[in-house]
C-alpha cells in the first residue's frame, strides 16, 4: 500500500487515524512522493513479486491531491513491465476532487477506485467534514456520480462509527438506492492516547501489545460498541440474504463465506497471519502495516534497502506470526475462529474470559455475527456444491428448497420450494 502524499488530506474526518501522523514528520514537510522514490518503489515492487499479477494500492491522506499528472507518471513507469507482468492499480479516495478528467484517466487505465462514503447525508457528515468544518457529503456524491457516468469500476468503503451502527438498514438501503454494488463496512476502533503517544504529539493510541495486559483500554466516543457492530452486520445480512444475493456484494459477507468454504482469507484482518501488507510512506520509509506507522515499526527505506528483505524482517521479528501464536485460549477454543482468526492485532487490547491479554475489542460482536449467519452459509454452500447459483438462497430462506444434486442451471429452472 502506497501513501504517495502521506497523511495530507483536504478533509478533517474526526475519526481518521492517519491524519495525525503528520506529527511524526518535520514541520514544513513536503508530503509528496518524489520521482526518485516513485521510480524505486515501482521497479522494486514489480521485481519482488513472484506472481504474474502485481497489485498497486494508492492511498493517503488523499492521493488525488497529487493531481492526474502524478498518476500518469505512475502508468508510464509501470509500462516498462508490459509483457512481463499484469499490473493492476487501485485508488482509495474521498471522492471530493474527482473530475471528468480524473474519471477519463481512471477508466482508460482500468483503475479500481475505492470511494469513502459512510451513508446518507446526516450519517456521512457527522464525522467526514472538510477543513472549514463543512460536511463533505455533496462533494463525495458528485464524485461518485462521475465514476458511474464514466463507467469506472468502483466500490464503497463505509466506516461504521458508534452512531452509524444503530442505523444499519438506513445505511444499506441508501447504498442500494444509489446503485452501489460493492460495499465494505469498516468498524471504527480507536483508543485514547497513553503517555508514549502524547510525547509524539499524537491524539490516538498505537497498536496493542499482544503478550501483556493493556492498561489503556479507554476508547474514543465515536468507537463502535462490540455487540452493536454484530447487530449492525446481522441486520444488513438478514435483508441482503432475502433480496440482494448476486446483486449487491458486501465484502464482509464474502470473507465469511470464503472462510466457511475453507479458503484462506484474502484480507489481512481475518487471515491467520499478517505482515506482508506493508505500507510505503511518501518519503520511501516502509512499515509493517498502515496501522503500524510508528518509529518503532519502521522496516527501512525503499531507496536504500531490499524490499523482500524488509518484508521478511517484518515476518521474522514476530509481527506476522505473532497474530496467530499470541491468540488467547478463548480464541483457540472458539467455534468461529476460522472466520475471525483473532481480528486485526492493532485492536486486540481486551482481556479474555480467562483473563488473558490479546483478545480483540470486537470479539463479542464478531462471535454474534458469525454464529448468526452459519445457517445461511450452510445453505449457500449446499447450493454451490450442487452446481446452483448462490442467489437461490433467497428462495431457500422462504422455506425448504428442493434441489437436484449437480443439476446446475437446468436444476435451477426445474427446482422449486417445497411446501
Protein backbone atom coordinates (compact mmCIF):
# COMPACT_ATOMS: atom_id res chain seq x y z
CA UNK A 1 0.00 0.00 0.00
CA UNK A 2 1.48 3.31 -1.09
CA UNK A 3 0.92 6.63 0.67
CA UNK A 4 2.29 8.96 -2.03
CA UNK A 5 1.04 12.06 -0.23
CA UNK A 6 1.48 10.70 3.28
CA UNK A 7 -1.20 11.84 5.74
CA UNK A 8 -2.04 15.05 3.86
CA UNK A 9 -5.75 15.40 3.16
CA UNK A 10 -8.31 18.04 2.22
CA UNK A 11 -10.79 16.61 4.74
CA UNK A 12 -10.58 16.58 8.52
CA UNK A 13 -12.55 13.46 9.44
CA UNK A 14 -12.91 13.25 13.21
CA UNK A 15 -12.25 9.51 13.40
CA UNK A 16 -9.30 9.33 10.97
CA UNK A 17 -6.30 7.55 12.50
CA UNK A 18 -3.87 8.68 9.80
CA UNK A 19 -4.21 12.46 9.71
CA UNK A 20 -2.30 12.91 12.94
CA UNK A 21 0.72 11.06 11.51
CA UNK A 22 1.88 14.49 10.27
CA UNK A 23 3.26 14.89 13.80
CA UNK A 24 5.83 12.18 13.04
CA UNK A 25 7.46 14.29 10.31
CA UNK A 26 9.37 17.56 10.44
CA UNK A 27 7.37 20.76 10.28
CA UNK A 28 7.23 22.10 6.75
CA UNK A 29 7.44 18.58 5.31
CA UNK A 30 6.51 18.38 1.63
CA UNK A 31 4.11 15.46 1.64
CA UNK A 32 4.66 14.44 -1.94
CA UNK A 33 6.44 11.33 -3.18
CA UNK A 34 9.45 12.32 -5.25
CA UNK A 35 10.08 10.86 -8.68
CA UNK A 36 13.15 9.12 -7.28
CA UNK A 37 11.12 7.34 -4.60
CA UNK A 38 8.27 6.59 -7.00
CA UNK A 39 10.61 5.04 -9.56
CA UNK A 40 12.39 2.92 -6.96
CA UNK A 41 9.10 1.78 -5.48
CA UNK A 42 7.51 0.72 -8.76
CA UNK A 43 10.59 -1.10 -10.00
CA UNK A 44 11.35 -2.87 -6.73
CA UNK A 45 7.72 -3.77 -6.09
CA UNK A 46 7.26 -5.36 -9.51
CA UNK A 47 10.58 -7.17 -9.41
CA UNK A 48 9.83 -8.60 -5.96
CA UNK A 49 6.54 -10.22 -6.97
CA UNK A 50 6.71 -13.92 -7.89
CA UNK A 51 3.14 -13.81 -9.23
CA UNK A 52 2.14 -12.83 -12.80
CA UNK A 53 -0.22 -10.14 -11.46
CA UNK A 54 1.16 -7.18 -9.49
CA UNK A 55 -1.18 -5.02 -7.45
CA UNK A 56 -0.55 -1.36 -6.63
CA UNK A 57 -2.78 0.22 -3.98
CA UNK A 58 -2.65 4.02 -3.71
CA UNK A 59 -3.97 5.62 -0.53
CA UNK A 60 -3.49 8.68 1.63
CA UNK A 61 -4.29 11.04 3.09
CA UNK A 62 -6.00 11.96 -0.12
CA UNK A 63 -3.98 10.79 -3.16
CA UNK A 64 -5.93 12.88 -5.70
CA UNK A 65 -4.28 15.98 -4.15
CA UNK A 66 -1.24 14.96 -6.21
CA UNK A 67 -3.12 15.63 -9.47
CA UNK A 68 -3.69 13.44 -12.50
CA UNK A 69 -0.18 14.02 -13.86
CA UNK A 70 1.38 12.19 -10.91
CA UNK A 71 -0.59 9.07 -11.82
CA UNK A 72 0.17 9.48 -15.49
CA UNK A 73 3.79 9.16 -14.39
CA UNK A 74 2.85 6.04 -12.41
CA UNK A 75 1.36 4.42 -15.51
CA UNK A 76 4.39 5.47 -17.58
CA UNK A 77 6.80 3.81 -15.15
CA UNK A 78 4.67 0.66 -14.98
CA UNK A 79 4.52 0.43 -18.78
CA UNK A 80 8.14 -0.74 -18.93
CA UNK A 81 6.98 -4.06 -17.46
CA UNK A 82 4.32 -4.68 -20.11
CA UNK A 83 4.54 -8.22 -21.40
CA UNK A 84 6.30 -9.43 -18.27
CA UNK A 85 3.65 -8.71 -15.66
CA UNK A 86 -0.02 -7.83 -15.49
CA UNK A 87 -0.23 -4.66 -13.43
CA UNK A 88 -3.36 -3.51 -11.66
CA UNK A 89 -3.96 -0.27 -9.80
CA UNK A 90 -6.39 0.60 -7.02
CA UNK A 91 -7.00 4.11 -5.74
CA UNK A 92 -8.70 4.89 -2.42
CA UNK A 93 -10.19 8.39 -2.40
CA UNK A 94 -12.69 10.52 -0.55
CA UNK A 95 -14.04 11.44 -3.99
CA UNK A 96 -14.32 15.17 -3.40
CA UNK A 97 -11.72 16.16 -6.01
CA UNK A 98 -12.80 13.84 -8.82
CA UNK A 99 -13.48 15.48 -12.17
CA UNK A 100 -14.32 14.33 -15.68
CA UNK A 101 -10.59 14.43 -16.47
CA UNK A 102 -9.81 12.22 -13.49
CA UNK A 103 -12.53 9.74 -14.39
CA UNK A 104 -11.48 9.50 -18.04
CA UNK A 105 -7.95 8.71 -16.88
CA UNK A 106 -9.11 6.13 -14.32
CA UNK A 107 -11.34 4.43 -16.87
CA UNK A 108 -8.71 4.39 -19.61
CA UNK A 109 -6.13 2.79 -17.34
CA UNK A 110 -8.54 0.42 -15.59
CA UNK A 111 -8.05 1.74 -12.06
CA UNK A 112 -10.27 0.19 -9.40
CA UNK A 113 -11.49 3.06 -7.22
CA UNK A 114 -12.50 2.78 -3.61
CA UNK A 115 -14.61 5.72 -2.50
CA UNK A 116 -15.14 6.61 1.15
CA UNK A 117 -18.82 7.18 1.86
CA UNK A 118 -20.44 6.39 5.20
CA UNK A 119 -24.11 6.54 4.23
CA UNK A 120 -26.82 9.17 3.74
CA UNK A 121 -26.23 12.88 4.31
CA UNK A 122 -26.68 13.09 8.08
CA UNK A 123 -24.66 9.97 8.85
CA UNK A 124 -21.81 10.78 6.48
CA UNK A 125 -21.43 14.41 7.53
CA UNK A 126 -21.34 13.67 11.25
CA UNK A 127 -17.62 12.87 11.06
CA UNK A 128 -16.50 13.42 7.46
CA UNK A 129 -16.07 17.19 7.25
CA UNK A 130 -13.65 19.45 5.40
CA UNK A 131 -11.07 21.81 6.87
CA UNK A 132 -13.71 24.53 7.20
CA UNK A 133 -15.96 22.25 9.24
CA UNK A 134 -18.45 21.75 6.44
CA UNK A 135 -19.88 18.36 5.54
CA UNK A 136 -18.40 16.57 2.54
CA UNK A 137 -21.44 14.52 1.51
CA UNK A 138 -22.45 16.59 -1.53
CA UNK A 139 -18.89 16.66 -2.91
CA UNK A 140 -18.44 12.91 -2.39
CA UNK A 141 -21.75 12.13 -4.09
CA UNK A 142 -20.76 14.33 -7.03
CA UNK A 143 -17.52 12.36 -7.33
CA UNK A 144 -19.30 9.01 -7.15
CA UNK A 145 -21.79 10.04 -9.83
CA UNK A 146 -18.86 10.96 -12.08
CA UNK A 147 -17.39 7.48 -11.57
CA UNK A 148 -20.73 5.98 -12.55
CA UNK A 149 -21.07 8.29 -15.55
CA UNK A 150 -17.68 7.25 -16.94
CA UNK A 151 -18.10 3.56 -16.11
CA UNK A 152 -15.16 3.46 -13.70
CA UNK A 153 -15.07 0.29 -11.64
CA UNK A 154 -15.54 1.29 -8.01
CA UNK A 155 -16.59 0.13 -4.58
CA UNK A 156 -17.64 1.94 -1.42
CA UNK A 157 -15.75 1.77 1.86
CA UNK A 158 -18.16 2.73 4.62
CA UNK A 159 -16.77 3.48 8.06
CA UNK A 160 -19.07 2.37 10.86
CA UNK A 161 -18.85 4.61 13.92
CA UNK A 162 -20.89 4.26 17.10
CA UNK A 163 -23.94 6.19 15.92
CA UNK A 164 -23.85 4.65 12.44
CA UNK A 165 -24.12 1.16 13.90
CA UNK A 166 -27.58 1.95 15.22
CA UNK A 167 -28.96 2.68 11.75
CA UNK A 168 -27.94 -0.35 9.66
CA UNK A 169 -30.84 -0.60 7.23
CA UNK A 170 -30.88 3.14 6.60
CA UNK A 171 -27.22 2.92 5.59
CA UNK A 172 -27.61 -0.22 3.49
CA UNK A 173 -30.76 0.88 1.67
CA UNK A 174 -29.14 4.21 0.86
CA UNK A 175 -26.24 2.48 -0.89
CA UNK A 176 -28.61 0.19 -2.74
CA UNK A 177 -30.72 3.14 -3.92
CA UNK A 178 -27.59 4.87 -5.20
CA UNK A 179 -26.71 1.89 -7.39
CA UNK A 180 -23.70 0.80 -5.31
CA UNK A 181 -22.93 -2.86 -5.97
CA UNK A 182 -19.75 -3.41 -3.91
CA UNK A 183 -19.52 -2.35 -0.26
CA UNK A 184 -17.07 -2.88 2.57
CA UNK A 185 -18.02 -1.97 6.14
CA UNK A 186 -15.08 -0.89 8.31
CA UNK A 187 -15.63 -0.65 12.08
CA UNK A 188 -14.11 2.41 13.73
CA UNK A 189 -11.99 1.46 16.74
CA UNK A 190 -9.57 3.88 18.39
CA UNK A 191 -8.21 4.20 21.92
CA UNK A 192 -7.33 7.40 23.69
CA UNK A 193 -3.55 8.03 23.81
CA UNK A 194 -1.21 6.94 26.54
CA UNK A 195 1.91 8.88 27.59
CA UNK A 196 4.05 7.41 24.80
CA UNK A 197 1.70 8.68 22.08
CA UNK A 198 1.29 12.08 23.72
CA UNK A 199 5.06 12.53 23.68
CA UNK A 200 4.96 12.07 19.90
CA UNK A 201 2.18 14.66 19.59
CA UNK A 202 -0.49 12.06 18.80
CA UNK A 203 -4.11 12.02 19.96
CA UNK A 204 -4.78 8.31 19.49
CA UNK A 205 -3.19 5.18 20.92
CA UNK A 206 -0.87 2.97 18.94
CA UNK A 207 -1.28 -0.77 18.35
CA UNK A 208 -1.96 -3.16 21.19
CA UNK A 209 0.85 -5.29 22.61
CA UNK A 210 -0.45 -8.85 22.40
CA UNK A 211 1.64 -10.60 25.04
CA UNK A 212 0.79 -8.39 28.01
CA UNK A 213 -2.26 -6.83 29.56
CA UNK A 214 -3.16 -3.46 28.11
CA UNK A 215 -3.81 -0.94 30.85
CA UNK A 216 -5.04 1.60 28.31
CA UNK A 217 -8.45 0.34 27.18
CA UNK A 218 -10.45 3.60 27.05
CA UNK A 219 -11.86 4.09 23.58
CA UNK A 220 -12.88 7.30 21.83
CA UNK A 221 -16.53 8.43 21.92
CA UNK A 222 -17.02 7.52 18.25
CA UNK A 223 -15.65 3.98 18.59
CA UNK A 224 -18.25 1.36 17.78
CA UNK A 225 -19.54 -0.87 20.58
CA UNK A 226 -18.80 -4.59 20.04
CA UNK A 227 -22.32 -6.03 20.31
CA UNK A 228 -23.73 -3.21 18.21
CA UNK A 229 -21.28 -3.98 15.41
CA UNK A 230 -22.53 -7.56 15.38
CA UNK A 231 -26.14 -6.34 15.33
CA UNK A 232 -25.32 -3.92 12.50
CA UNK A 233 -23.95 -6.67 10.27
CA UNK A 234 -26.74 -9.09 11.18
CA UNK A 235 -29.49 -6.60 10.32
CA UNK A 236 -27.96 -5.94 6.89
CA UNK A 237 -27.28 -9.64 6.26
CA UNK A 238 -30.91 -10.53 7.02
CA UNK A 239 -32.12 -8.09 4.38
CA UNK A 240 -29.37 -8.92 1.88
CA UNK A 241 -29.91 -12.69 2.05
CA UNK A 242 -33.61 -12.23 1.24
CA UNK A 243 -33.35 -9.79 -1.65
CA UNK A 244 -29.86 -8.90 -2.87
CA UNK A 245 -27.66 -12.01 -3.19
CA UNK A 246 -25.94 -11.82 -6.56
CA UNK A 247 -26.86 -8.16 -6.98
CA UNK A 248 -25.09 -6.45 -4.08
CA UNK A 249 -21.68 -7.68 -2.94
CA UNK A 250 -20.69 -6.95 0.65
CA UNK A 251 -17.06 -7.79 1.26
CA UNK A 252 -17.61 -8.66 4.94
CA UNK A 253 -20.10 -11.33 3.84
CA UNK A 254 -17.82 -12.57 1.04
CA UNK A 255 -14.99 -13.07 3.56
CA UNK A 256 -17.27 -15.06 5.86
CA UNK A 257 -18.39 -17.36 3.04
CA UNK A 258 -14.80 -17.74 1.90
CA UNK A 259 -13.78 -18.90 5.40
CA UNK A 260 -16.76 -21.27 5.59
CA UNK A 261 -15.62 -22.88 2.33
CA UNK A 262 -12.19 -23.44 3.89
CA UNK A 263 -10.28 -20.93 1.79
CA UNK A 264 -7.63 -18.58 3.21
CA UNK A 265 -8.91 -15.07 3.79
CA UNK A 266 -7.88 -12.57 1.08
CA UNK A 267 -7.65 -9.71 3.60
CA UNK A 268 -5.23 -9.42 6.48
CA UNK A 269 -7.92 -8.69 9.12
CA UNK A 270 -9.22 -12.25 9.16
CA UNK A 271 -6.11 -14.03 7.90
CA UNK A 272 -4.16 -16.36 10.20
CA UNK A 273 -1.06 -14.22 9.99
CA UNK A 274 -0.20 -10.74 8.74
CA UNK A 275 2.90 -8.75 7.94
CA UNK A 276 3.03 -8.86 4.14
CA UNK A 277 0.67 -5.93 3.59
CA UNK A 278 3.43 -3.41 4.06
CA UNK A 279 2.94 0.32 3.58
CA UNK A 280 5.33 2.75 1.94
CA UNK A 281 5.21 6.39 3.02
CA UNK A 282 5.80 9.32 0.67
CA UNK A 283 9.48 9.54 1.66
CA UNK A 284 10.16 5.87 0.93
CA UNK A 285 10.00 4.60 4.52
CA UNK A 286 8.41 1.16 4.88
CA UNK A 287 6.27 -0.05 7.78
CA UNK A 288 4.64 -3.38 8.55
CA UNK A 289 1.11 -2.01 8.12
CA UNK A 290 -0.61 1.36 7.85
CA UNK A 291 -1.89 0.81 11.41
CA UNK A 292 1.76 0.45 12.46
CA UNK A 293 3.26 3.65 11.06
CA UNK A 294 5.23 4.48 14.17
CA UNK A 295 9.02 4.85 14.53
CA UNK A 296 9.45 1.50 16.29
CA UNK A 297 7.85 -0.38 13.41
CA UNK A 298 9.92 1.10 10.60
CA UNK A 299 11.41 -1.61 8.37
CA UNK A 300 13.73 0.52 6.25
CA UNK A 301 13.60 2.73 3.17
CA UNK A 302 12.91 1.80 -0.46
CA UNK A 303 15.89 3.84 -1.68
CA UNK A 304 18.48 2.08 0.46
CA UNK A 305 17.08 -1.32 1.43
CA UNK A 306 15.94 -4.50 -0.28
CA UNK A 307 12.14 -4.78 -0.39
CA UNK A 308 11.99 -8.56 0.00
CA UNK A 309 14.36 -8.48 2.97
CA UNK A 310 12.29 -5.76 4.66
CA UNK A 311 9.12 -7.83 4.33
CA UNK A 312 10.90 -10.92 5.63
CA UNK A 313 12.20 -8.90 8.57
CA UNK A 314 8.62 -7.95 9.38
CA UNK A 315 7.65 -11.62 9.49
CA UNK A 316 10.74 -12.96 11.23
CA UNK A 317 10.62 -10.43 14.08
CA UNK A 318 7.24 -11.77 15.08
CA UNK A 319 4.84 -9.21 13.67
CA UNK A 320 3.39 -11.62 11.13
CA UNK A 321 3.29 -14.91 13.03
CA UNK A 322 2.55 -13.15 16.33
CA UNK A 323 -1.03 -12.63 15.26
CA UNK A 324 -1.50 -16.41 15.34
CA UNK A 325 0.88 -17.52 18.10
CA UNK A 326 -0.41 -14.92 20.58
CA UNK A 327 -4.05 -15.97 20.25
CA UNK A 328 -5.54 -16.36 23.73
CA UNK A 329 -7.10 -19.65 24.77
CA UNK A 330 -10.54 -18.05 24.42
CA UNK A 331 -9.86 -17.64 20.68
CA UNK A 332 -8.26 -21.03 20.17
CA UNK A 333 -11.34 -22.72 21.64
CA UNK A 334 -13.83 -20.53 19.78
CA UNK A 335 -16.20 -22.15 17.28
CA UNK A 336 -15.85 -19.23 14.83
CA UNK A 337 -12.07 -18.94 14.93
CA UNK A 338 -11.73 -19.90 11.26
CA UNK A 339 -13.86 -16.90 10.27
CA UNK A 340 -12.36 -14.39 12.69
CA UNK A 341 -8.72 -15.52 13.23
CA UNK A 342 -8.42 -13.09 16.10
CA UNK A 343 -9.02 -9.93 14.08
CA UNK A 344 -6.55 -7.09 13.50
CA UNK A 345 -3.69 -7.12 16.05
CA UNK A 346 -3.94 -3.35 16.49
CA UNK A 347 -7.28 -3.77 18.22
CA UNK A 348 -6.53 -6.81 20.37
CA UNK A 349 -6.37 -4.86 23.62
CA UNK A 350 -9.15 -6.62 25.58
CA UNK A 351 -8.88 -9.36 28.20
CA UNK A 352 -10.43 -12.78 27.57
CA UNK A 353 -12.78 -14.58 29.94
CA UNK A 354 -9.69 -16.46 31.12
CA UNK A 355 -8.02 -13.12 31.97
CA UNK A 356 -5.59 -13.47 29.08
CA UNK A 357 -4.33 -10.48 27.05
CA UNK A 358 -4.69 -10.19 23.29
CA UNK A 359 -8.45 -10.50 22.82
CA UNK A 360 -9.93 -8.39 20.04
CA UNK A 361 -12.08 -5.47 21.17
CA UNK A 362 -14.90 -6.62 18.84
CA UNK A 363 -14.82 -10.26 19.96
CA UNK A 364 -18.42 -10.44 21.18
CA UNK A 365 -19.67 -8.68 18.04
CA UNK A 366 -17.71 -10.95 15.72
CA UNK A 367 -18.97 -14.07 17.53
CA UNK A 368 -22.55 -12.88 17.39
CA UNK A 369 -22.41 -12.18 13.66
CA UNK A 370 -20.51 -15.28 12.55
CA UNK A 371 -22.71 -17.58 14.63
CA UNK A 372 -25.89 -15.97 13.35
CA UNK A 373 -25.09 -16.42 9.65
CA UNK A 374 -23.93 -20.05 9.83
CA UNK A 375 -27.33 -21.38 8.78
CA UNK A 376 -27.21 -19.22 5.65
CA UNK A 377 -23.62 -20.20 4.87
CA UNK A 378 -24.59 -23.87 5.06
CA UNK A 379 -27.41 -23.27 2.59
CA UNK A 380 -25.23 -21.30 0.17
CA UNK A 381 -22.52 -23.96 0.34
CA UNK A 382 -25.03 -26.70 -0.45
CA UNK A 383 -26.27 -24.75 -3.45
CA UNK A 384 -22.74 -24.17 -4.77
CA UNK A 385 -21.72 -27.78 -4.24
CA UNK A 386 -24.71 -28.90 -6.32
CA UNK A 387 -23.95 -26.57 -9.21
CA UNK A 388 -26.52 -23.90 -8.37
CA UNK A 389 -26.23 -20.16 -8.01
CA UNK A 390 -25.80 -18.76 -4.51
CA UNK A 391 -28.71 -16.42 -5.26
CA UNK A 392 -31.12 -19.34 -4.86
CA UNK A 393 -30.63 -18.92 -1.11
CA UNK A 394 -33.17 -16.09 -1.41
CA UNK A 395 -35.75 -18.76 -2.19
CA UNK A 396 -34.41 -21.13 0.44
CA UNK A 397 -34.94 -18.64 3.27
CA UNK A 398 -38.66 -18.56 2.44
CA UNK A 399 -38.97 -22.27 3.11
CA UNK A 400 -37.49 -25.68 2.20
CA UNK A 401 -35.95 -25.69 -1.26
CA UNK A 402 -35.82 -28.85 -3.36
CA UNK A 403 -32.65 -29.04 -5.47
CA UNK A 404 -31.40 -31.75 -7.74
CA UNK A 405 -27.73 -32.59 -7.00
CA UNK A 406 -25.47 -31.49 -9.83
CA UNK A 407 -28.39 -30.22 -11.85
CA UNK A 408 -26.78 -26.85 -12.50
CA UNK A 409 -28.71 -24.25 -14.46
CA UNK A 410 -31.39 -26.73 -15.54
CA UNK A 411 -31.98 -27.68 -11.94
CA UNK A 412 -32.48 -24.03 -11.04
CA UNK A 413 -35.23 -23.76 -13.58
CA UNK A 414 -36.98 -27.00 -12.59
CA UNK A 415 -36.37 -26.85 -8.84
CA UNK A 416 -38.85 -25.14 -6.58
CA UNK A 417 -39.70 -24.57 -2.97
CA UNK A 418 -41.27 -27.46 -1.23
CA UNK A 419 -44.28 -26.69 0.88
